[in-house]
Amino acid sequence: MINEKDYERLYKSIKSKSDIDKLTKKGYNRNFLLELLTMKMSRETRRKFYVLPRDKIAKEWDSGKSATKLAIKYGISPVMMLYTVLLAKGYSKKRARDIINSRITVEGRISKELESTRKNDPVYSPDGLEVQAKKGKEGEERIKRFLEKRGIKFARESELKTKYEKTPDFLLDKWVHLNGEPVRWIESKASIGDMDKVKRDYKKQLSRYMEMFGPGAIVYWFGVLPAAKKWLEDRGVLVLESFRGVRVG
């Protein structure tokens, strides 16, 4: 995993899918870069969407700037920028959503913009959502194989929802030791564990699992920054990036 300084530099510099091609040529892992862009774009869109200057954006779009270029300028998702443009041009929220989700057919410039924004959006496009779901399933499948191969019995999140308010991806039937640490549950994250991410995960999920079941483990399949790893482990959560070399017992 890269160090904090390199990570911050990459995080600031990556703004669009075209940046991934440039950075891949410099030796960075393409899947890591795509996840970094996805995470950044999702965060920035949530933070900025409701305060965007819609009138200004509408004028820029009228002058010929594409929604994709405007998305890079304002630092949000291309699909959500097109949604913003549609709202600014007087479309109702329902009609704008129907256009974005292809529930109605559009032609001309908006049709071209829809194609372009989807192509360049790893977060809110149909392809982006599909990739994210696939990554999540692949991570959970790896954990499932690891546990089954070692005869460790467990219950899945889908089996636990009727019993508990908060449920980890895997609740182990009994305590096991991974790398010498006691573990009762395992959570899978198809994401990068930077400080913002691990603190958010701890507040929303992991702290509750600790209260309900005791210590557990979390896997960040795209890596975790050293300081973020230490922060979580200081709170009793074992942090992994894969199961290669993990000791059981």
C-alpha atoms as a PDB file:
ATOM      1  CA  MET A   1       0.000   0.000   0.000  1.00  0.00           C
ATOM      2  CA  ILE A   2       1.251   3.514  -0.752  1.00  0.00           C
ATOM      3  CA  ASN A   3       2.103   5.868   2.073  1.00  0.00           C
ATOM      4  CA  GLU A   4      -0.083   8.761   3.210  1.00  0.00           C
ATOM      5  CA  LYS A   5       1.897  11.416   1.335  1.00  0.00           C
ATOM      6  CA  ASP A   6       1.662   9.655  -2.038  1.00  0.00           C
ATOM      7  CA  TYR A   7      -1.988   8.826  -1.394  1.00  0.00           C
ATOM      8  CA  GLU A   8      -2.890  12.462  -0.700  1.00  0.00           C
ATOM      9  CA  ARG A   9      -1.101  13.539  -3.864  1.00  0.00           C
ATOM     10  CA  LEU A  10      -2.952  10.953  -5.952  1.00  0.00           C
ATOM     11  CA  TYR A  11      -6.269  11.778  -4.292  1.00  0.00           C
ATOM     12  CA  LYS A  12      -5.911  15.461  -5.189  1.00  0.00           C
ATOM     13  CA  SER A  13      -4.736  14.842  -8.743  1.00  0.00           C
ATOM     14  CA  ILE A  14      -7.274  12.250  -9.911  1.00  0.00           C
ATOM     15  CA  LYS A  15     -10.404  13.935 -11.290  1.00  0.00           C
ATOM     16  CA  SER A  16     -11.657  11.858 -14.213  1.00  0.00           C
ATOM     17  CA  LYS A  17     -11.283   8.534 -15.980  1.00  0.00           C
ATOM     18  CA  SER A  18      -8.740  10.088 -18.332  1.00  0.00           C
ATOM     19  CA  ASP A  19      -6.450  10.636 -15.331  1.00  0.00           C
ATOM     20  CA  ILE A  20      -6.474   6.887 -14.699  1.00  0.00           C
ATOM     21  CA  ASP A  21      -4.839   6.218 -18.081  1.00  0.00           C
ATOM     22  CA  LYS A  22      -2.101   8.772 -17.362  1.00  0.00           C
ATOM     23  CA  LEU A  23      -1.371   7.462 -13.884  1.00  0.00           C
ATOM     24  CA  THR A  24      -1.413   3.813 -14.992  1.00  0.00           C
ATOM     25  CA  LYS A  25       1.439   4.621 -17.359  1.00  0.00           C
ATOM     26  CA  LYS A  26       3.403   5.831 -14.330  1.00  0.00           C
ATOM     27  CA  GLY A  27       3.128   2.385 -12.743  1.00  0.00           C
ATOM     28  CA  TYR A  28       0.074   2.677 -10.495  1.00  0.00           C
ATOM     29  CA  ASN A  29      -2.411  -0.183 -10.343  1.00  0.00           C
ATOM     30  CA  ARG A  30      -5.421   0.517 -12.560  1.00  0.00           C
ATOM     31  CA  ASN A  31      -7.976  -1.128 -10.268  1.00  0.00           C
ATOM     32  CA  PHE A  32      -6.675   0.856  -7.305  1.00  0.00           C
ATOM     33  CA  LEU A  33      -6.931   4.104  -9.286  1.00  0.00           C
ATOM     34  CA  LEU A  34     -10.469   3.326 -10.414  1.00  0.00           C
ATOM     35  CA  GLU A  35     -11.512   2.661  -6.820  1.00  0.00           C
ATOM     36  CA  LEU A  36      -9.806   5.878  -5.711  1.00  0.00           C
ATOM     37  CA  LEU A  37     -11.693   7.886  -8.333  1.00  0.00           C
ATOM     38  CA  THR A  38     -14.962   6.158  -7.422  1.00  0.00           C
ATOM     39  CA  MET A  39     -14.524   6.920  -3.727  1.00  0.00           C
ATOM     40  CA  LYS A  40     -13.497  10.536  -4.304  1.00  0.00           C
ATOM     41  CA  MET A  41     -16.283  11.208  -6.803  1.00  0.00           C
ATOM     42  CA  SER A  42     -18.902   9.726  -4.480  1.00  0.00           C
ATOM     43  CA  ARG A  43     -17.701  11.821  -1.539  1.00  0.00           C
ATOM     44  CA  GLU A  44     -17.437  15.060  -3.464  1.00  0.00           C
ATOM     45  CA  THR A  45     -20.835  14.616  -5.089  1.00  0.00           C
ATOM     46  CA  ARG A  46     -22.516  14.092  -1.713  1.00  0.00           C
ATOM     47  CA  ARG A  47     -20.731  17.132  -0.310  1.00  0.00           C
ATOM     48  CA  LYS A  48     -21.284  19.550  -3.199  1.00  0.00           C
ATOM     49  CA  PHE A  49     -24.462  18.540  -4.989  1.00  0.00           C
ATOM     50  CA  TYR A  50     -26.958  20.657  -3.050  1.00  0.00           C
ATOM     51  CA  VAL A  51     -24.818  23.811  -3.146  1.00  0.00           C
ATOM     52  CA  LEU A  52     -23.952  23.828  -6.854  1.00  0.00           C
ATOM     53  CA  PRO A  53     -24.571  27.169  -8.648  1.00  0.00           C
ATOM     54  CA  ARG A  54     -27.250  25.838 -10.997  1.00  0.00           C
ATOM     55  CA  ASP A  55     -27.876  29.091 -12.875  1.00  0.00           C
ATOM     56  CA  LYS A  56     -24.173  29.488 -13.612  1.00  0.00           C
ATOM     57  CA  ILE A  57     -23.901  25.862 -14.686  1.00  0.00           C
ATOM     58  CA  ALA A  58     -26.886  26.254 -17.036  1.00  0.00           C
ATOM     59  CA  LYS A  59     -25.204  29.247 -18.707  1.00  0.00           C
ATOM     60  CA  GLU A  60     -21.945  27.344 -19.105  1.00  0.00           C
ATOM     61  CA  TRP A  61     -23.801  24.399 -20.607  1.00  0.00           C
ATOM     62  CA  ASP A  62     -25.659  26.738 -22.993  1.00  0.00           C
ATOM     63  CA  SER A  63     -22.301  28.160 -24.087  1.00  0.00           C
ATOM     64  CA  GLY A  64     -21.233  24.679 -25.207  1.00  0.00           C
ATOM     65  CA  LYS A  65     -19.443  23.110 -22.238  1.00  0.00           C
ATOM     66  CA  SER A  66     -20.364  19.457 -21.855  1.00  0.00           C
ATOM     67  CA  ALA A  67     -21.758  18.019 -18.643  1.00  0.00           C
ATOM     68  CA  THR A  68     -18.651  15.817 -18.406  1.00  0.00           C
ATOM     69  CA  LYS A  69     -16.315  18.820 -18.527  1.00  0.00           C
ATOM     70  CA  LEU A  70     -18.486  20.701 -16.063  1.00  0.00           C
ATOM     71  CA  ALA A  71     -18.339  17.683 -13.753  1.00  0.00           C
ATOM     72  CA  ILE A  72     -14.532  17.833 -13.773  1.00  0.00           C
ATOM     73  CA  LYS A  73     -14.587  21.584 -13.162  1.00  0.00           C
ATOM     74  CA  TYR A  74     -16.939  21.337 -10.174  1.00  0.00           C
ATOM     75  CA  GLY A  75     -15.575  18.029  -8.924  1.00  0.00           C
ATOM     76  CA  ILE A  76     -18.684  15.864  -8.987  1.00  0.00           C
ATOM     77  CA  SER A  77     -20.082  12.846 -10.812  1.00  0.00           C
ATOM     78  CA  PRO A  78     -20.746  13.395 -14.556  1.00  0.00           C
ATOM     79  CA  VAL A  79     -24.168  11.732 -14.353  1.00  0.00           C
ATOM     80  CA  MET A  80     -25.160  13.924 -11.430  1.00  0.00           C
ATOM     81  CA  MET A  81     -23.870  16.978 -13.271  1.00  0.00           C
ATOM     82  CA  LEU A  82     -26.177  16.169 -16.178  1.00  0.00           C
ATOM     83  CA  TYR A  83     -29.007  15.774 -13.665  1.00  0.00           C
ATOM     84  CA  THR A  84     -28.103  19.226 -12.316  1.00  0.00           C
ATOM     85  CA  VAL A  85     -28.151  20.682 -15.835  1.00  0.00           C
ATOM     86  CA  LEU A  86     -31.592  19.228 -16.481  1.00  0.00           C
ATOM     87  CA  LEU A  87     -32.949  20.706 -13.253  1.00  0.00           C
ATOM     88  CA  ALA A  88     -31.379  24.064 -14.076  1.00  0.00           C
ATOM     89  CA  LYS A  89     -33.014  23.968 -17.528  1.00  0.00           C
ATOM     90  CA  GLY A  90     -36.447  23.579 -15.963  1.00  0.00           C
ATOM     91  CA  TYR A  91     -36.999  19.823 -16.002  1.00  0.00           C
ATOM     92  CA  SER A  92     -38.891  18.433 -13.030  1.00  0.00           C
ATOM     93  CA  LYS A  93     -37.010  16.099 -10.697  1.00  0.00           C
ATOM     94  CA  LYS A  94     -39.104  13.162 -11.892  1.00  0.00           C
ATOM     95  CA  ARG A  95     -38.515  13.846 -15.581  1.00  0.00           C
ATOM     96  CA  ALA A  96     -34.794  14.445 -14.987  1.00  0.00           C
ATOM     97  CA  ARG A  97     -34.543  11.135 -13.108  1.00  0.00           C
ATOM     98  CA  ASP A  98     -36.459   9.358 -15.866  1.00  0.00           C
ATOM     99  CA  ILE A  99     -33.986  10.689 -18.437  1.00  0.00           C
ATOM    100  CA  ILE A 100     -30.971   9.719 -16.341  1.00  0.00           C
ATOM    101  CA  ASN A 101     -32.383   6.230 -15.766  1.00  0.00           C
ATOM    102  CA  SER A 102     -33.452   5.827 -19.437  1.00  0.00           C
ATOM    103  CA  ARG A 103     -37.112   5.420 -18.554  1.00  0.00           C
ATOM    104  CA  ILE A 104     -37.911   7.862 -21.337  1.00  0.00           C
ATOM    105  CA  THR A 105     -36.182   8.350 -24.680  1.00  0.00           C
ATOM    106  CA  VAL A 106     -34.375  11.589 -25.481  1.00  0.00           C
ATOM    107  CA  GLU A 107     -32.643  12.807 -28.618  1.00  0.00           C
ATOM    108  CA  GLY A 108     -30.189  15.474 -29.699  1.00  0.00           C
ATOM    109  CA  ARG A 109     -27.649  16.972 -27.346  1.00  0.00           C
ATOM    110  CA  ILE A 110     -29.118  15.510 -24.168  1.00  0.00           C
ATOM    111  CA  SER A 111     -28.921  12.016 -25.651  1.00  0.00           C
ATOM    112  CA  LYS A 112     -25.235  12.537 -26.479  1.00  0.00           C
ATOM    113  CA  GLU A 113     -24.597  14.001 -23.042  1.00  0.00           C
ATOM    114  CA  LEU A 114     -26.259  11.012 -21.405  1.00  0.00           C
ATOM    115  CA  GLU A 115     -24.003   8.628 -23.324  1.00  0.00           C
ATOM    116  CA  SER A 116     -20.870  10.618 -22.492  1.00  0.00           C
ATOM    117  CA  THR A 117     -21.610  11.057 -18.786  1.00  0.00           C
ATOM    118  CA  ARG A 118     -22.371   7.372 -18.329  1.00  0.00           C
ATOM    119  CA  LYS A 119     -19.144   6.425 -20.066  1.00  0.00           C
ATOM    120  CA  ASN A 120     -17.126   8.658 -17.735  1.00  0.00           C
ATOM    121  CA  ASP A 121     -18.933   7.981 -14.455  1.00  0.00           C
ATOM    122  CA  PRO A 122     -17.792   5.036 -12.289  1.00  0.00           C
ATOM    123  CA  VAL A 123     -20.262   5.882  -9.511  1.00  0.00           C
ATOM    124  CA  TYR A 124     -23.786   6.675 -10.738  1.00  0.00           C
ATOM    125  CA  SER A 125     -23.806   5.150 -14.218  1.00  0.00           C
ATOM    126  CA  PRO A 126     -25.437   1.725 -14.786  1.00  0.00           C
ATOM    127  CA  ASP A 127     -22.027   0.220 -15.568  1.00  0.00           C
ATOM    128  CA  GLY A 128     -20.500   1.849 -12.508  1.00  0.00           C
ATOM    129  CA  LEU A 129     -23.213   0.533 -10.204  1.00  0.00           C
ATOM    130  CA  GLU A 130     -22.814  -2.934 -11.702  1.00  0.00           C
ATOM    131  CA  VAL A 131     -19.047  -2.896 -11.186  1.00  0.00           C
ATOM    132  CA  GLN A 132     -19.433  -1.767  -7.571  1.00  0.00           C
ATOM    133  CA  ALA A 133     -21.940  -4.538  -6.850  1.00  0.00           C
ATOM    134  CA  LYS A 134     -19.644  -7.099  -8.509  1.00  0.00           C
ATOM    135  CA  LYS A 135     -16.652  -5.982  -6.439  1.00  0.00           C
ATOM    136  CA  GLY A 136     -18.690  -6.295  -3.260  1.00  0.00           C
ATOM    137  CA  LYS A 137     -19.806  -9.835  -4.106  1.00  0.00           C
ATOM    138  CA  GLU A 138     -16.286 -10.904  -5.082  1.00  0.00           C
ATOM    139  CA  GLY A 139     -14.894  -9.728  -1.749  1.00  0.00           C
ATOM    140  CA  GLU A 140     -17.527 -11.602   0.223  1.00  0.00           C
ATOM    141  CA  GLU A 141     -16.972 -14.723  -1.864  1.00  0.00           C
ATOM    142  CA  ARG A 142     -13.255 -14.669  -1.000  1.00  0.00           C
ATOM    143  CA  ILE A 143     -14.068 -14.552   2.706  1.00  0.00           C
ATOM    144  CA  LYS A 144     -16.599 -17.362   2.306  1.00  0.00           C
ATOM    145  CA  ARG A 145     -14.021 -19.584   0.588  1.00  0.00           C
ATOM    146  CA  PHE A 146     -11.401 -18.801   3.250  1.00  0.00           C
ATOM    147  CA  LEU A 147     -13.747 -19.776   6.089  1.00  0.00           C
ATOM    148  CA  GLU A 148     -15.177 -22.877   4.406  1.00  0.00           C
ATOM    149  CA  LYS A 149     -11.723 -24.195   3.506  1.00  0.00           C
ATOM    150  CA  ARG A 150     -10.796 -24.099   7.198  1.00  0.00           C
ATOM    151  CA  GLY A 151     -14.075 -25.530   8.468  1.00  0.00           C
ATOM    152  CA  ILE A 152     -15.071 -22.315  10.230  1.00  0.00           C
ATOM    153  CA  LYS A 153     -18.855 -22.103  10.505  1.00  0.00           C
ATOM    154  CA  PHE A 154     -20.623 -18.784  10.063  1.00  0.00           C
ATOM    155  CA  ALA A 155     -23.908 -17.008   9.363  1.00  0.00           C
ATOM    156  CA  ARG A 156     -24.277 -14.489   6.543  1.00  0.00           C
ATOM    157  CA  GLU A 157     -25.730 -10.993   6.793  1.00  0.00           C
ATOM    158  CA  SER A 158     -28.908 -12.107   4.986  1.00  0.00           C
ATOM    159  CA  GLU A 159     -29.500 -14.757   7.677  1.00  0.00           C
ATOM    160  CA  LEU A 160     -28.936 -12.344  10.554  1.00  0.00           C
ATOM    161  CA  LYS A 161     -31.171  -9.414   9.635  1.00  0.00           C
ATOM    162  CA  THR A 162     -34.225 -10.842  11.388  1.00  0.00           C
ATOM    163  CA  LYS A 163     -32.249 -11.256  14.638  1.00  0.00           C
ATOM    164  CA  TYR A 164     -30.116  -8.132  14.903  1.00  0.00           C
ATOM    165  CA  GLU A 165     -30.437  -4.439  14.156  1.00  0.00           C
ATOM    166  CA  LYS A 166     -26.879  -4.249  12.799  1.00  0.00           C
ATOM    167  CA  THR A 167     -25.334  -7.223  11.052  1.00  0.00           C
ATOM    168  CA  PRO A 168     -21.780  -7.872   9.801  1.00  0.00           C
ATOM    169  CA  ASP A 169     -21.194  -9.687   6.537  1.00  0.00           C
ATOM    170  CA  PHE A 170     -20.059 -12.804   8.439  1.00  0.00           C
ATOM    171  CA  LEU A 171     -20.821 -13.729  12.058  1.00  0.00           C
ATOM    172  CA  LEU A 172     -18.720 -16.695  13.146  1.00  0.00           C
ATOM    173  CA  ASP A 173     -20.376 -19.460  15.178  1.00  0.00           C
ATOM    174  CA  LYS A 174     -17.524 -19.325  17.688  1.00  0.00           C
ATOM    175  CA  TRP A 175     -14.359 -17.372  18.351  1.00  0.00           C
ATOM    176  CA  VAL A 176     -11.365 -17.933  16.095  1.00  0.00           C
ATOM    177  CA  HIS A 177      -7.927 -16.318  16.152  1.00  0.00           C
ATOM    178  CA  LEU A 178      -6.629 -14.600  13.020  1.00  0.00           C
ATOM    179  CA  ASN A 179      -2.982 -13.572  13.233  1.00  0.00           C
ATOM    180  CA  GLY A 180      -3.257 -14.194  16.956  1.00  0.00           C
ATOM    181  CA  GLU A 181      -6.222 -11.839  17.443  1.00  0.00           C
ATOM    182  CA  PRO A 182      -9.661 -13.037  18.639  1.00  0.00           C
ATOM    183  CA  VAL A 183     -12.316 -12.553  15.968  1.00  0.00           C
ATOM    184  CA  ARG A 184     -16.079 -13.190  16.100  1.00  0.00           C
ATOM    185  CA  TRP A 185     -17.156 -11.376  12.919  1.00  0.00           C
ATOM    186  CA  ILE A 186     -15.723 -10.255   9.561  1.00  0.00           C
ATOM    187  CA  GLU A 187     -16.766  -7.275   7.459  1.00  0.00           C
ATOM    188  CA  SER A 188     -15.837  -6.954   3.776  1.00  0.00           C
ATOM    189  CA  LYS A 189     -15.160  -3.598   2.097  1.00  0.00           C
ATOM    190  CA  ALA A 190     -14.422  -3.418  -1.632  1.00  0.00           C
ATOM    191  CA  SER A 191     -12.805  -0.034  -1.088  1.00  0.00           C
ATOM    192  CA  ILE A 192      -9.688   1.791   0.084  1.00  0.00           C
ATOM    193  CA  GLY A 193      -9.311   2.335   3.794  1.00  0.00           C
ATOM    194  CA  ASP A 194      -8.147   5.915   4.231  1.00  0.00           C
ATOM    195  CA  MET A 195      -8.722   7.790   7.481  1.00  0.00           C
ATOM    196  CA  ASP A 196     -12.079   9.255   6.454  1.00  0.00           C
ATOM    197  CA  LYS A 197     -13.316   5.850   5.331  1.00  0.00           C
ATOM    198  CA  VAL A 198     -12.273   3.869   8.405  1.00  0.00           C
ATOM    199  CA  LYS A 199     -13.690   6.477  10.787  1.00  0.00           C
ATOM    200  CA  ARG A 200     -16.985   6.459   8.903  1.00  0.00           C
ATOM    201  CA  ASP A 201     -17.107   2.650   8.913  1.00  0.00           C
ATOM    202  CA  TYR A 202     -16.300   2.523  12.620  1.00  0.00           C
ATOM    203  CA  LYS A 203     -18.980   5.049  13.528  1.00  0.00           C
ATOM    204  CA  LYS A 204     -21.729   3.576  11.341  1.00  0.00           C
ATOM    205  CA  GLN A 205     -20.995  -0.149  11.676  1.00  0.00           C
ATOM    206  CA  LEU A 206     -17.933  -1.514  13.425  1.00  0.00           C
ATOM    207  CA  SER A 207     -18.458   0.091  16.830  1.00  0.00           C
ATOM    208  CA  ARG A 208     -21.935  -1.485  16.976  1.00  0.00           C
ATOM    209  CA  TYR A 209     -20.565  -4.898  16.001  1.00  0.00           C
ATOM    210  CA  MET A 210     -18.010  -4.564  18.800  1.00  0.00           C
ATOM    211  CA  GLU A 211     -20.772  -3.792  21.318  1.00  0.00           C
ATOM    212  CA  MET A 212     -22.965  -6.662  20.133  1.00  0.00           C
ATOM    213  CA  PHE A 213     -20.468  -9.426  19.370  1.00  0.00           C
ATOM    214  CA  GLY A 214     -17.029  -8.377  20.612  1.00  0.00           C
ATOM    215  CA  PRO A 215     -13.844  -7.940  18.515  1.00  0.00           C
ATOM    216  CA  GLY A 216     -13.826  -8.703  14.805  1.00  0.00           C
ATOM    217  CA  ALA A 217     -12.009  -8.063  11.552  1.00  0.00           C
ATOM    218  CA  ILE A 218     -12.478  -5.905   8.473  1.00  0.00           C
ATOM    219  CA  VAL A 219     -10.958  -6.427   5.043  1.00  0.00           C
ATOM    220  CA  TYR A 220     -10.214  -3.461   2.766  1.00  0.00           C
ATOM    221  CA  TRP A 221      -9.620  -5.237  -0.530  1.00  0.00           C
ATOM    222  CA  PHE A 222      -8.040  -2.219  -2.240  1.00  0.00           C
ATOM    223  CA  GLY A 223      -5.658  -1.449   0.599  1.00  0.00           C
ATOM    224  CA  VAL A 224      -5.590   0.543   3.803  1.00  0.00           C
ATOM    225  CA  LEU A 225      -3.328   3.433   4.779  1.00  0.00           C
ATOM    226  CA  PRO A 226      -0.964   2.713   7.695  1.00  0.00           C
ATOM    227  CA  ALA A 227      -2.321   5.462   9.959  1.00  0.00           C
ATOM    228  CA  ALA A 228      -5.921   4.398   9.278  1.00  0.00           C
ATOM    229  CA  LYS A 229      -5.039   0.763   9.982  1.00  0.00           C
ATOM    230  CA  LYS A 230      -3.459   1.718  13.308  1.00  0.00           C
ATOM    231  CA  TRP A 231      -6.462   3.896  14.221  1.00  0.00           C
ATOM    232  CA  LEU A 232      -8.862   0.971  13.808  1.00  0.00           C
ATOM    233  CA  GLU A 233      -6.618  -1.600  15.442  1.00  0.00           C
ATOM    234  CA  ASP A 234      -6.171   0.687  18.458  1.00  0.00           C
ATOM    235  CA  ARG A 235      -9.949   0.297  18.861  1.00  0.00           C
ATOM    236  CA  GLY A 236      -9.811  -3.487  18.749  1.00  0.00           C
ATOM    237  CA  VAL A 237     -10.623  -4.189  15.088  1.00  0.00           C
ATOM    238  CA  LEU A 238      -8.237  -6.417  13.146  1.00  0.00           C
ATOM    239  CA  VAL A 239      -7.557  -4.846   9.732  1.00  0.00           C
ATOM    240  CA  LEU A 240      -6.638  -6.941   6.683  1.00  0.00           C
ATOM    241  CA  GLU A 241      -6.023  -6.270   2.997  1.00  0.00           C
ATOM    242  CA  SER A 242      -6.306  -9.910   1.912  1.00  0.00           C
ATOM    243  CA  PHE A 243      -6.084 -13.379   3.442  1.00  0.00           C
ATOM    244  CA  ARG A 244      -2.665 -14.187   2.053  1.00  0.00           C
ATOM    245  CA  GLY A 245      -0.503 -15.378   4.916  1.00  0.00           C
ATOM    246  CA  VAL A 246      -3.221 -14.977   7.537  1.00  0.00           C
ATOM    247  CA  ARG A 247      -2.709 -17.418  10.413  1.00  0.00           C
ATOM    248  CA  VAL A 248      -5.701 -19.217  11.922  1.00  0.00           C
ATOM    249  CA  GLY A 249      -5.711 -20.557  15.467  1.00  0.00           C
END
